[in-house]
C-alpha cells in the first residue's frame, strides 16, 4: 500500500484527496494489474524468443544429422547393390543410375 501510495504521489495523484476508500482500492488494484500485465507480456516475449532460438538450433541439428544419415545410407546402398552411384551428394544434387 505504501509503495503504491508513493508511486501515485510521484506521478501527480494524491490519494489523500480521494475520500472514498473503495476508489483508492480500485486505483491501486488497477496499478498492480497493469504491472502484472506488463511483466506477463515481457516474460512471454522472452520465453518466445528463447523457444524460437532453441527450435532453430534443433531444426539445424536435425537437418545436418539427416543429411549425414541419408548420405551414409545411400553410400551403403550403392556399395551393396552396385545399382546407384552417388556423386558428391552435398556438392551436386544428382544421383546417377548405373545399369548392372
PDB file of N, CA and C in Angstrom:
ATOM      1  N   UNK A   1       0.830  -1.187   0.000  1.00  0.00           N
ATOM      2  CA  UNK A   1       0.000   0.000   0.000  1.00  0.00           C
ATOM      3  C   UNK A   1       0.873   1.249   0.000  1.00  0.00           C
ATOM      4  N   UNK A   2       1.915   1.238   0.800  1.00  0.00           N
ATOM      5  CA  UNK A   2       2.793   2.406   0.891  1.00  0.00           C
ATOM      6  C   UNK A   2       3.514   2.640  -0.431  1.00  0.00           C
ATOM      7  N   UNK A   3       3.957   1.563  -1.082  1.00  0.00           N
ATOM      8  CA  UNK A   3       4.646   1.686  -2.360  1.00  0.00           C
ATOM      9  C   UNK A   3       3.726   2.273  -3.418  1.00  0.00           C
ATOM     10  N   UNK A   4       2.500   1.793  -3.465  1.00  0.00           N
ATOM     11  CA  UNK A   4       1.541   2.323  -4.430  1.00  0.00           C
ATOM     12  C   UNK A   4       1.226   3.781  -4.128  1.00  0.00           C
ATOM     13  N   UNK A   5       1.143   4.122  -2.867  1.00  0.00           N
ATOM     14  CA  UNK A   5       0.857   5.499  -2.463  1.00  0.00           C
ATOM     15  C   UNK A   5       1.985   6.425  -2.915  1.00  0.00           C
ATOM     16  N   UNK A   6       3.219   6.006  -2.712  1.00  0.00           N
ATOM     17  CA  UNK A   6       4.357   6.807  -3.159  1.00  0.00           C
ATOM     18  C   UNK A   6       4.359   6.949  -4.677  1.00  0.00           C
ATOM     19  N   UNK A   7       4.035   5.862  -5.366  1.00  0.00           N
ATOM     20  CA  UNK A   7       4.004   5.906  -6.828  1.00  0.00           C
ATOM     21  C   UNK A   7       2.992   6.930  -7.320  1.00  0.00           C
ATOM     22  N   UNK A   8       1.784   6.894  -6.775  1.00  0.00           N
ATOM     23  CA  UNK A   8       0.756   7.824  -7.220  1.00  0.00           C
ATOM     24  C   UNK A   8       1.097   9.267  -6.841  1.00  0.00           C
ATOM     25  N   UNK A   9       1.781   9.486  -5.730  1.00  0.00           N
ATOM     26  CA  UNK A   9       2.206  10.835  -5.364  1.00  0.00           C
ATOM     27  C   UNK A   9       3.244  11.350  -6.350  1.00  0.00           C
ATOM     28  N   UNK A  10       4.135  10.477  -6.772  1.00  0.00           N
ATOM     29  CA  UNK A  10       5.174  10.880  -7.714  1.00  0.00           C
ATOM     30  C   UNK A  10       4.565  11.299  -9.045  1.00  0.00           C
ATOM     31  N   UNK A  11       3.597  10.553  -9.539  1.00  0.00           N
ATOM     32  CA  UNK A  11       3.036  10.878 -10.853  1.00  0.00           C
ATOM     33  C   UNK A  11       1.922  11.912 -10.778  1.00  0.00           C
ATOM     34  N   UNK A  12       1.722  12.503  -9.626  1.00  0.00           N
ATOM     35  CA  UNK A  12       0.793  13.612  -9.534  1.00  0.00           C
ATOM     36  C   UNK A  12      -0.534  13.299  -8.885  1.00  0.00           C
ATOM     37  N   UNK A  13      -0.812  12.065  -8.596  1.00  0.00           N
ATOM     38  CA  UNK A  13      -2.060  11.727  -7.924  1.00  0.00           C
ATOM     39  C   UNK A  13      -1.866  11.864  -6.417  1.00  0.00           C
ATOM     40  N   UNK A  14      -2.809  12.377  -5.746  1.00  0.00           N
ATOM     41  CA  UNK A  14      -2.764  12.470  -4.293  1.00  0.00           C
ATOM     42  C   UNK A  14      -3.885  11.600  -3.739  1.00  0.00           C
ATOM     43  N   UNK A  15      -3.494  10.461  -3.154  1.00  0.00           N
ATOM     44  CA  UNK A  15      -4.514   9.554  -2.644  1.00  0.00           C
ATOM     45  C   UNK A  15      -5.284  10.160  -1.476  1.00  0.00           C
ATOM     46  N   UNK A  16      -4.663  11.122  -0.786  1.00  0.00           N
ATOM     47  CA  UNK A  16      -5.360  11.742   0.341  1.00  0.00           C
ATOM     48  C   UNK A  16      -6.592  12.523  -0.118  1.00  0.00           C
ATOM     49  N   UNK A  17      -6.559  13.031  -1.357  1.00  0.00           N
ATOM     50  CA  UNK A  17      -7.702  13.804  -1.853  1.00  0.00           C
ATOM     51  C   UNK A  17      -8.868  12.911  -2.226  1.00  0.00           C
ATOM     52  N   UNK A  18      -8.625  11.645  -2.365  1.00  0.00           N
ATOM     53  CA  UNK A  18      -9.713  10.720  -2.680  1.00  0.00           C
ATOM     54  C   UNK A  18     -10.297  10.263  -1.351  1.00  0.00           C
ATOM     55  N   UNK A  19     -11.499  10.678  -1.083  1.00  0.00           N
ATOM     56  CA  UNK A  19     -12.106  10.391   0.217  1.00  0.00           C
ATOM     57  C   UNK A  19     -12.665   8.985   0.302  1.00  0.00           C
ATOM     58  N   UNK A  20     -12.949   8.408  -0.803  1.00  0.00           N
ATOM     59  CA  UNK A  20     -13.600   7.107  -0.796  1.00  0.00           C
ATOM     60  C   UNK A  20     -12.535   6.006  -0.803  1.00  0.00           C
ATOM     61  N   UNK A  21     -12.554   5.153   0.204  1.00  0.00           N
ATOM     62  CA  UNK A  21     -11.589   4.048   0.304  1.00  0.00           C
ATOM     63  C   UNK A  21     -11.717   3.100  -0.886  1.00  0.00           C
ATOM     64  N   UNK A  22     -12.934   2.890  -1.342  1.00  0.00           N
ATOM     65  CA  UNK A  22     -13.169   1.986  -2.476  1.00  0.00           C
ATOM     66  C   UNK A  22     -12.472   2.504  -3.732  1.00  0.00           C
ATOM     67  N   UNK A  23     -12.528   3.806  -3.966  1.00  0.00           N
ATOM     68  CA  UNK A  23     -11.855   4.388  -5.129  1.00  0.00           C
ATOM     69  C   UNK A  23     -10.342   4.205  -5.030  1.00  0.00           C
ATOM     70  N   UNK A  24      -9.810   4.354  -3.821  1.00  0.00           N
ATOM     71  CA  UNK A  24      -8.379   4.146  -3.625  1.00  0.00           C
ATOM     72  C   UNK A  24      -7.995   2.709  -3.962  1.00  0.00           C
ATOM     73  N   UNK A  25      -8.793   1.772  -3.494  1.00  0.00           N
ATOM     74  CA  UNK A  25      -8.504   0.365  -3.758  1.00  0.00           C
ATOM     75  C   UNK A  25      -8.566   0.065  -5.253  1.00  0.00           C
ATOM     76  N   UNK A  26      -9.541   0.635  -5.939  1.00  0.00           N
ATOM     77  CA  UNK A  26      -9.652   0.411  -7.384  1.00  0.00           C
ATOM     78  C   UNK A  26      -8.423   0.959  -8.100  1.00  0.00           C
ATOM     79  N   UNK A  27      -7.972   2.151  -7.710  1.00  0.00           N
ATOM     80  CA  UNK A  27      -6.785   2.733  -8.333  1.00  0.00           C
ATOM     81  C   UNK A  27      -5.554   1.864  -8.090  1.00  0.00           C
ATOM     82  N   UNK A  28      -5.404   1.368  -6.869  1.00  0.00           N
ATOM     83  CA  UNK A  28      -4.254   0.533  -6.527  1.00  0.00           C
ATOM     84  C   UNK A  28      -4.320  -0.799  -7.268  1.00  0.00           C
ATOM     85  N   UNK A  29      -5.490  -1.419  -7.296  1.00  0.00           N
ATOM     86  CA  UNK A  29      -5.638  -2.693  -7.998  1.00  0.00           C
ATOM     87  C   UNK A  29      -5.390  -2.529  -9.490  1.00  0.00           C
ATOM     88  N   UNK A  30      -5.851  -1.424 -10.057  1.00  0.00           N
ATOM     89  CA  UNK A  30      -5.603  -1.164 -11.475  1.00  0.00           C
ATOM     90  C   UNK A  30      -4.112  -1.025 -11.733  1.00  0.00           C
ATOM     91  N   UNK A  31      -3.432  -0.308 -10.848  1.00  0.00           N
ATOM     92  CA  UNK A  31      -1.988  -0.129 -10.982  1.00  0.00           C
ATOM     93  C   UNK A  31      -1.266  -1.477 -10.935  1.00  0.00           C
ATOM     94  N   UNK A  32      -1.610  -2.306  -9.945  1.00  0.00           N
ATOM     95  CA  UNK A  32      -0.971  -3.617  -9.834  1.00  0.00           C
ATOM     96  C   UNK A  32      -1.327  -4.513 -11.013  1.00  0.00           C
ATOM     97  N   UNK A  33      -2.525  -4.382 -11.535  1.00  0.00           N
ATOM     98  CA  UNK A  33      -2.914  -5.163 -12.710  1.00  0.00           C
ATOM     99  C   UNK A  33      -2.082  -4.769 -13.919  1.00  0.00           C
ATOM    100  N   UNK A  34      -1.844  -3.470 -14.072  1.00  0.00           N
ATOM    101  CA  UNK A  34      -1.012  -3.005 -15.181  1.00  0.00           C
ATOM    102  C   UNK A  34       0.415  -3.520 -15.049  1.00  0.00           C
ATOM    103  N   UNK A  35       0.949  -3.501 -13.835  1.00  0.00           N
ATOM    104  CA  UNK A  35       2.302  -4.024 -13.613  1.00  0.00           C
ATOM    105  C   UNK A  35       2.348  -5.514 -13.933  1.00  0.00           C
ATOM    106  N   UNK A  36       1.368  -6.273 -13.444  1.00  0.00           N
ATOM    107  CA  UNK A  36       1.337  -7.717 -13.690  1.00  0.00           C
ATOM    108  C   UNK A  36       1.194  -8.008 -15.177  1.00  0.00           C
ATOM    109  N   UNK A  37       0.359  -7.243 -15.867  1.00  0.00           N
ATOM    110  CA  UNK A  37       0.172  -7.448 -17.303  1.00  0.00           C
ATOM    111  C   UNK A  37       1.459  -7.160 -18.058  1.00  0.00           C
ATOM    112  N   UNK A  38       2.146  -6.089 -17.680  1.00  0.00           N
ATOM    113  CA  UNK A  38       3.412  -5.757 -18.324  1.00  0.00           C
ATOM    114  C   UNK A  38       4.462  -6.826 -18.096  1.00  0.00           C
ATOM    115  N   UNK A  39       4.554  -7.311 -16.864  1.00  0.00           N
ATOM    116  CA  UNK A  39       5.525  -8.375 -16.570  1.00  0.00           C
ATOM    117  C   UNK A  39       5.174  -9.651 -17.311  1.00  0.00           C
ATOM    118  N   UNK A  40       3.893  -9.979 -17.361  1.00  0.00           N
ATOM    119  CA  UNK A  40       3.458 -11.187 -18.051  1.00  0.00           C
ATOM    120  C   UNK A  40       3.798 -11.107 -19.534  1.00  0.00           C
ATOM    121  N   UNK A  41       3.546  -9.958 -20.147  1.00  0.00           N
ATOM    122  CA  UNK A  41       3.843  -9.785 -21.570  1.00  0.00           C
ATOM    123  C   UNK A  41       5.341  -9.885 -21.823  1.00  0.00           C
ATOM    124  N   UNK A  42       6.138  -9.231 -20.965  1.00  0.00           N
ATOM    125  CA  UNK A  42       7.589  -9.271 -21.112  1.00  0.00           C
ATOM    126  C   UNK A  42       8.111 -10.695 -20.955  1.00  0.00           C
ATOM    127  N   UNK A  43       7.630 -11.410 -19.942  1.00  0.00           N
ATOM    128  CA  UNK A  43       8.054 -12.795 -19.729  1.00  0.00           C
ATOM    129  C   UNK A  43       7.665 -13.673 -20.902  1.00  0.00           C
ATOM    130  N   UNK A  44       6.468 -13.455 -21.429  1.00  0.00           N
ATOM    131  CA  UNK A  44       6.007 -14.247 -22.572  1.00  0.00           C
ATOM    132  C   UNK A  44       6.899 -14.002 -23.790  1.00  0.00           C
ATOM    133  N   UNK A  45       7.233 -12.751 -24.057  1.00  0.00           N
ATOM    134  CA  UNK A  45       8.085 -12.436 -25.204  1.00  0.00           C
ATOM    135  C   UNK A  45       9.484 -13.013 -25.017  1.00  0.00           C
ATOM    136  N   UNK A  46      10.014 -12.950 -23.793  1.00  0.00           N
ATOM    137  CA  UNK A  46      11.340 -13.503 -23.532  1.00  0.00           C
ATOM    138  C   UNK A  46      11.339 -15.019 -23.736  1.00  0.00           C
ATOM    139  N   UNK A  47      10.302 -15.695 -23.226  1.00  0.00           N
ATOM    140  CA  UNK A  47      10.204 -17.145 -23.420  1.00  0.00           C
ATOM    141  C   UNK A  47      10.043 -17.488 -24.893  1.00  0.00           C
ATOM    142  N   UNK A  48       9.275 -16.689 -25.636  1.00  0.00           N
ATOM    143  CA  UNK A  48       9.065 -16.945 -27.059  1.00  0.00           C
ATOM    144  C   UNK A  48      10.379 -16.838 -27.819  1.00  0.00           C
ATOM    145  N   UNK A  49      11.189 -15.826 -27.489  1.00  0.00           N
ATOM    146  CA  UNK A  49      12.482 -15.673 -28.165  1.00  0.00           C
ATOM    147  C   UNK A  49      13.394 -16.855 -27.864  1.00  0.00           C
ATOM    148  N   UNK A  50      13.431 -17.282 -26.602  1.00  0.00           N
ATOM    149  CA  UNK A  50      14.259 -18.433 -26.240  1.00  0.00           C
ATOM    150  C   UNK A  50      13.777 -19.689 -26.943  1.00  0.00           C
ATOM    151  N   UNK A  51      12.469 -19.885 -26.982  1.00  0.00           N
ATOM    152  CA  UNK A  51      11.921 -21.063 -27.650  1.00  0.00           C
ATOM    153  C   UNK A  51      12.230 -21.020 -29.137  1.00  0.00           C
ATOM    154  N   UNK A  52      12.175 -19.835 -29.735  1.00  0.00           N
ATOM    155  CA  UNK A  52      12.465 -19.697 -31.157  1.00  0.00           C
ATOM    156  C   UNK A  52      13.920 -20.044 -31.444  1.00  0.00           C
ATOM    157  N   UNK A  53      14.831 -19.591 -30.602  1.00  0.00           N
ATOM    158  CA  UNK A  53      16.252 -19.900 -30.775  1.00  0.00           C
ATOM    159  C   UNK A  53      16.494 -21.391 -30.573  1.00  0.00           C
ATOM    160  N   UNK A  54      15.893 -21.974 -29.530  1.00  0.00           N
ATOM    161  CA  UNK A  54      16.062 -23.407 -29.287  1.00  0.00           C
ATOM    162  C   UNK A  54      15.512 -24.223 -30.449  1.00  0.00           C
ATOM    163  N   UNK A  55      14.366 -23.826 -30.984  1.00  0.00           N
ATOM    164  CA  UNK A  55      13.773 -24.541 -32.110  1.00  0.00           C
ATOM    165  C   UNK A  55      14.669 -24.445 -33.337  1.00  0.00           C
ATOM    166  N   UNK A  56      15.260 -23.290 -33.579  1.00  0.00           N
ATOM    167  CA  UNK A  56      16.169 -23.131 -34.715  1.00  0.00           C
ATOM    168  C   UNK A  56      17.375 -24.051 -34.576  1.00  0.00           C
ATOM    169  N   UNK A  57      17.928 -24.125 -33.371  1.00  0.00           N
ATOM    170  CA  UNK A  57      19.085 -24.996 -33.145  1.00  0.00           C
ATOM    171  C   UNK A  57      18.704 -26.454 -33.363  1.00  0.00           C
ATOM    172  N   UNK A  58      17.539 -26.856 -32.885  1.00  0.00           N
ATOM    173  CA  UNK A  58      17.086 -28.237 -33.060  1.00  0.00           C
ATOM    174  C   UNK A  58      16.877 -28.558 -34.532  1.00  0.00           C
ATOM    175  N   UNK A  59      16.253 -27.648 -35.281  1.00  0.00           N
ATOM    176  CA  UNK A  59      15.994 -27.887 -36.706  1.00  0.00           C
ATOM    177  C   UNK A  59      17.300 -27.977 -37.484  1.00  0.00           C
ATOM    178  N   UNK A  60      18.238 -27.078 -37.207  1.00  0.00           N
ATOM    179  CA  UNK A  60      19.528 -27.119 -37.906  1.00  0.00           C
ATOM    180  C   UNK A  60      20.271 -28.409 -37.579  1.00  0.00           C
ATOM    181  N   UNK A  61      20.298 -28.785 -36.305  1.00  0.00           N
ATOM    182  CA  UNK A  61      20.968 -30.029 -35.916  1.00  0.00           C
ATOM    183  C   UNK A  61      20.326 -31.254 -36.538  1.00  0.00           C
ATOM    184  N   UNK A  62      19.000 -31.287 -36.554  1.00  0.00           N
ATOM    185  CA  UNK A  62      18.298 -32.423 -37.147  1.00  0.00           C
ATOM    186  C   UNK A  62      18.545 -32.496 -38.648  1.00  0.00           C
ATOM    187  N   UNK A  63      18.604 -31.351 -39.315  1.00  0.00           N
ATOM    188  CA  UNK A  63      18.866 -31.335 -40.755  1.00  0.00           C
ATOM    189  C   UNK A  63      20.258 -31.862 -41.057  1.00  0.00           C
ATOM    190  N   UNK A  64      21.245 -31.426 -40.297  1.00  0.00           N
ATOM    191  CA  UNK A  64      22.615 -31.913 -40.504  1.00  0.00           C
ATOM    192  C   UNK A  64      22.684 -33.414 -40.257  1.00  0.00           C
ATOM    193  N   UNK A  65      22.066 -33.877 -39.191  1.00  0.00           N
ATOM    194  CA  UNK A  65      22.059 -35.307 -38.888  1.00  0.00           C
ATOM    195  C   UNK A  65      21.364 -36.099 -39.983  1.00  0.00           C
ATOM    196  N   UNK A  66      20.256 -35.584 -40.484  1.00  0.00           N
ATOM    197  CA  UNK A  66      19.525 -36.264 -41.558  1.00  0.00           C
ATOM    198  C   UNK A  66      20.366 -36.364 -42.825  1.00  0.00           C
ATOM    199  N   UNK A  67      21.059 -35.301 -43.192  1.00  0.00           N
ATOM    200  CA  UNK A  67      21.915 -35.327 -44.385  1.00  0.00           C
ATOM    201  C   UNK A  67      23.029 -36.348 -44.212  1.00  0.00           C
ATOM    202  N   UNK A  68      23.634 -36.382 -43.039  1.00  0.00           N
ATOM    203  CA  UNK A  68      24.718 -37.345 -42.791  1.00  0.00           C
ATOM    204  C   UNK A  68      24.194 -38.775 -42.866  1.00  0.00           C
ATOM    205  N   UNK A  69      23.041 -39.033 -42.231  1.00  0.00           N
ATOM    206  CA  UNK A  69      22.488 -40.386 -42.246  1.00  0.00           C
ATOM    207  C   UNK A  69      22.055 -40.814 -43.642  1.00  0.00           C
ATOM    208  N   UNK A  70      21.420 -39.912 -44.381  1.00  0.00           N
ATOM    209  CA  UNK A  70      20.993 -40.251 -45.750  1.00  0.00           C
ATOM    210  C   UNK A  70      22.205 -40.496 -46.628  1.00  0.00           C
ATOM    211  N   UNK A  71      23.224 -39.668 -46.491  1.00  0.00           N
ATOM    212  CA  UNK A  71      24.434 -39.855 -47.282  1.00  0.00           C
ATOM    213  C   UNK A  71      25.074 -41.209 -46.962  1.00  0.00           C
ATOM    214  N   UNK A  72      25.167 -41.542 -45.692  1.00  0.00           N
ATOM    215  CA  UNK A  72      25.757 -42.816 -45.284  1.00  0.00           C
ATOM    216  C   UNK A  72      24.912 -43.982 -45.789  1.00  0.00           C
ATOM    217  N   UNK A  73      23.586 -43.884 -45.649  1.00  0.00           N
ATOM    218  CA  UNK A  73      22.690 -44.951 -46.089  1.00  0.00           C
ATOM    219  C   UNK A  73      22.791 -45.157 -47.595  1.00  0.00           C
ATOM    220  N   UNK A  74      22.809 -44.066 -48.353  1.00  0.00           N
ATOM    221  CA  UNK A  74      22.892 -44.204 -49.809  1.00  0.00           C
ATOM    222  C   UNK A  74      24.238 -44.766 -50.247  1.00  0.00           C
ATOM    223  N   UNK A  75      25.311 -44.405 -49.554  1.00  0.00           N
ATOM    224  CA  UNK A  75      26.617 -44.972 -49.886  1.00  0.00           C
ATOM    225  C   UNK A  75      26.625 -46.475 -49.613  1.00  0.00           C
ATOM    226  N   UNK A  76      26.053 -46.890 -48.480  1.00  0.00           N
ATOM    227  CA  UNK A  76      25.970 -48.319 -48.170  1.00  0.00           C
ATOM    228  C   UNK A  76      25.124 -49.032 -49.215  1.00  0.00           C
ATOM    229  N   UNK A  77      24.023 -48.402 -49.610  1.00  0.00           N
ATOM    230  CA  UNK A  77      23.148 -48.995 -50.620  1.00  0.00           C
ATOM    231  C   UNK A  77      23.877 -49.123 -51.953  1.00  0.00           C
ATOM    232  N   UNK A  78      24.661 -48.117 -52.311  1.00  0.00           N
ATOM    233  CA  UNK A  78      25.385 -48.144 -53.578  1.00  0.00           C
ATOM    234  C   UNK A  78      26.429 -49.252 -53.571  1.00  0.00           C
ATOM    235  N   UNK A  79      27.147 -49.399 -52.471  1.00  0.00           N
ATOM    236  CA  UNK A  79      28.167 -50.439 -52.413  1.00  0.00           C
ATOM    237  C   UNK A  79      27.540 -51.830 -52.348  1.00  0.00           C
ATOM    238  N   UNK A  80      26.408 -51.962 -51.686  1.00  0.00           N
ATOM    239  CA  UNK A  80      25.792 -53.279 -51.520  1.00  0.00           C
ATOM    240  C   UNK A  80      25.146 -53.773 -52.807  1.00  0.00           C
ATOM    241  N   UNK A  81      24.486 -52.891 -53.554  1.00  0.00           N
ATOM    242  CA  UNK A  81      23.752 -53.334 -54.744  1.00  0.00           C
ATOM    243  C   UNK A  81      24.501 -53.070 -56.026  1.00  0.00           C
ATOM    244  N   UNK A  82      25.330 -52.036 -56.047  1.00  0.00           N
ATOM    245  CA  UNK A  82      26.024 -51.681 -57.280  1.00  0.00           C
ATOM    246  C   UNK A  82      25.104 -50.982 -58.265  1.00  0.00           C
ATOM    247  N   UNK A  83      23.906 -50.605 -57.836  1.00  0.00           N
ATOM    248  CA  UNK A  83      22.935 -50.013 -58.751  1.00  0.00           C
ATOM    249  C   UNK A  83      22.993 -48.489 -58.765  1.00  0.00           C
ATOM    250  N   UNK A  84      23.421 -47.884 -57.687  1.00  0.00           N
ATOM    251  CA  UNK A  84      23.388 -46.422 -57.600  1.00  0.00           C
ATOM    252  C   UNK A  84      24.772 -45.919 -57.211  1.00  0.00           C
ATOM    253  N   UNK A  85      25.230 -44.905 -57.919  1.00  0.00           N
ATOM    254  CA  UNK A  85      26.476 -44.236 -57.563  1.00  0.00           C
ATOM    255  C   UNK A  85      26.135 -42.803 -57.175  1.00  0.00           C
ATOM    256  N   UNK A  86      26.638 -42.379 -56.044  1.00  0.00           N
ATOM    257  CA  UNK A  86      26.367 -41.016 -55.586  1.00  0.00           C
ATOM    258  C   UNK A  86      27.589 -40.165 -55.890  1.00  0.00           C
ATOM    259  N   UNK A  87      27.353 -39.061 -56.567  1.00  0.00           N
ATOM    260  CA  UNK A  87      28.450 -38.172 -56.911  1.00  0.00           C
ATOM    261  C   UNK A  87      28.351 -36.917 -56.058  1.00  0.00           C
ATOM    262  N   UNK A  88      29.086 -36.877 -54.983  1.00  0.00           N
ATOM    263  CA  UNK A  88      29.130 -35.735 -54.069  1.00  0.00           C
ATOM    264  C   UNK A  88      27.732 -35.217 -53.755  1.00  0.00           C
ATOM    265  N   UNK A  89      27.028 -35.969 -52.924  1.00  0.00           N
ATOM    266  CA  UNK A  89      25.628 -35.634 -52.641  1.00  0.00           C
ATOM    267  C   UNK A  89      25.476 -34.234 -52.052  1.00  0.00           C
ATOM    268  N   UNK A  90      26.464 -33.749 -51.345  1.00  0.00           N
ATOM    269  CA  UNK A  90      26.369 -32.391 -50.808  1.00  0.00           C
ATOM    270  C   UNK A  90      26.739 -31.341 -51.846  1.00  0.00           C
ATOM    271  N   UNK A  91      27.647 -31.672 -52.759  1.00  0.00           N
ATOM    272  CA  UNK A  91      28.071 -30.714 -53.772  1.00  0.00           C
ATOM    273  C   UNK A  91      27.153 -30.688 -54.978  1.00  0.00           C
ATOM    274  N   UNK A  92      26.738 -31.859 -55.443  1.00  0.00           N
ATOM    275  CA  UNK A  92      25.860 -31.959 -56.604  1.00  0.00           C
ATOM    276  C   UNK A  92      24.632 -32.764 -56.212  1.00  0.00           C
ATOM    277  N   UNK A  93      23.451 -32.237 -56.467  1.00  0.00           N
ATOM    278  CA  UNK A  93      22.236 -32.930 -56.045  1.00  0.00           C
ATOM    279  C   UNK A  93      21.808 -34.045 -56.993  1.00  0.00           C
ATOM    280  N   UNK A  94      22.722 -34.547 -57.825  1.00  0.00           N
ATOM    281  CA  UNK A  94      22.334 -35.565 -58.802  1.00  0.00           C
ATOM    282  C   UNK A  94      22.686 -36.951 -58.302  1.00  0.00           C
ATOM    283  N   UNK A  95      21.824 -37.896 -58.568  1.00  0.00           N
ATOM    284  CA  UNK A  95      22.089 -39.305 -58.292  1.00  0.00           C
ATOM    285  C   UNK A  95      22.143 -40.005 -59.646  1.00  0.00           C
ATOM    286  N   UNK A  96      23.264 -40.619 -59.926  1.00  0.00           N
ATOM    287  CA  UNK A  96      23.446 -41.278 -61.216  1.00  0.00           C
ATOM    288  C   UNK A  96      23.041 -42.742 -61.091  1.00  0.00           C
ATOM    289  N   UNK A  97      22.237 -43.205 -62.032  1.00  0.00           N
ATOM    290  CA  UNK A  97      21.806 -44.601 -62.032  1.00  0.00           C
ATOM    291  C   UNK A  97      22.658 -45.370 -63.031  1.00  0.00           C
ATOM    292  N   UNK A  98      23.159 -46.488 -62.583  1.00  0.00           N
ATOM    293  CA  UNK A  98      24.014 -47.315 -63.430  1.00  0.00           C
ATOM    294  C   UNK A  98      23.330 -48.652 -63.618  1.00  0.00           C
ATOM    295  N   UNK A  99      23.170 -49.069 -64.844  1.00  0.00           N
ATOM    296  CA  UNK A  99      22.573 -50.383 -65.106  1.00  0.00           C
ATOM    297  C   UNK A  99      23.582 -51.480 -64.848  1.00  0.00           C
ATOM    298  N   UNK A 100      23.126 -52.543 -64.221  1.00  0.00           N
ATOM    299  CA  UNK A 100      24.026 -53.655 -63.905  1.00  0.00           C
ATOM    300  C   UNK A 100      23.706 -54.815 -64.820  1.00  0.00           C
TER     301      UNK A 100
END
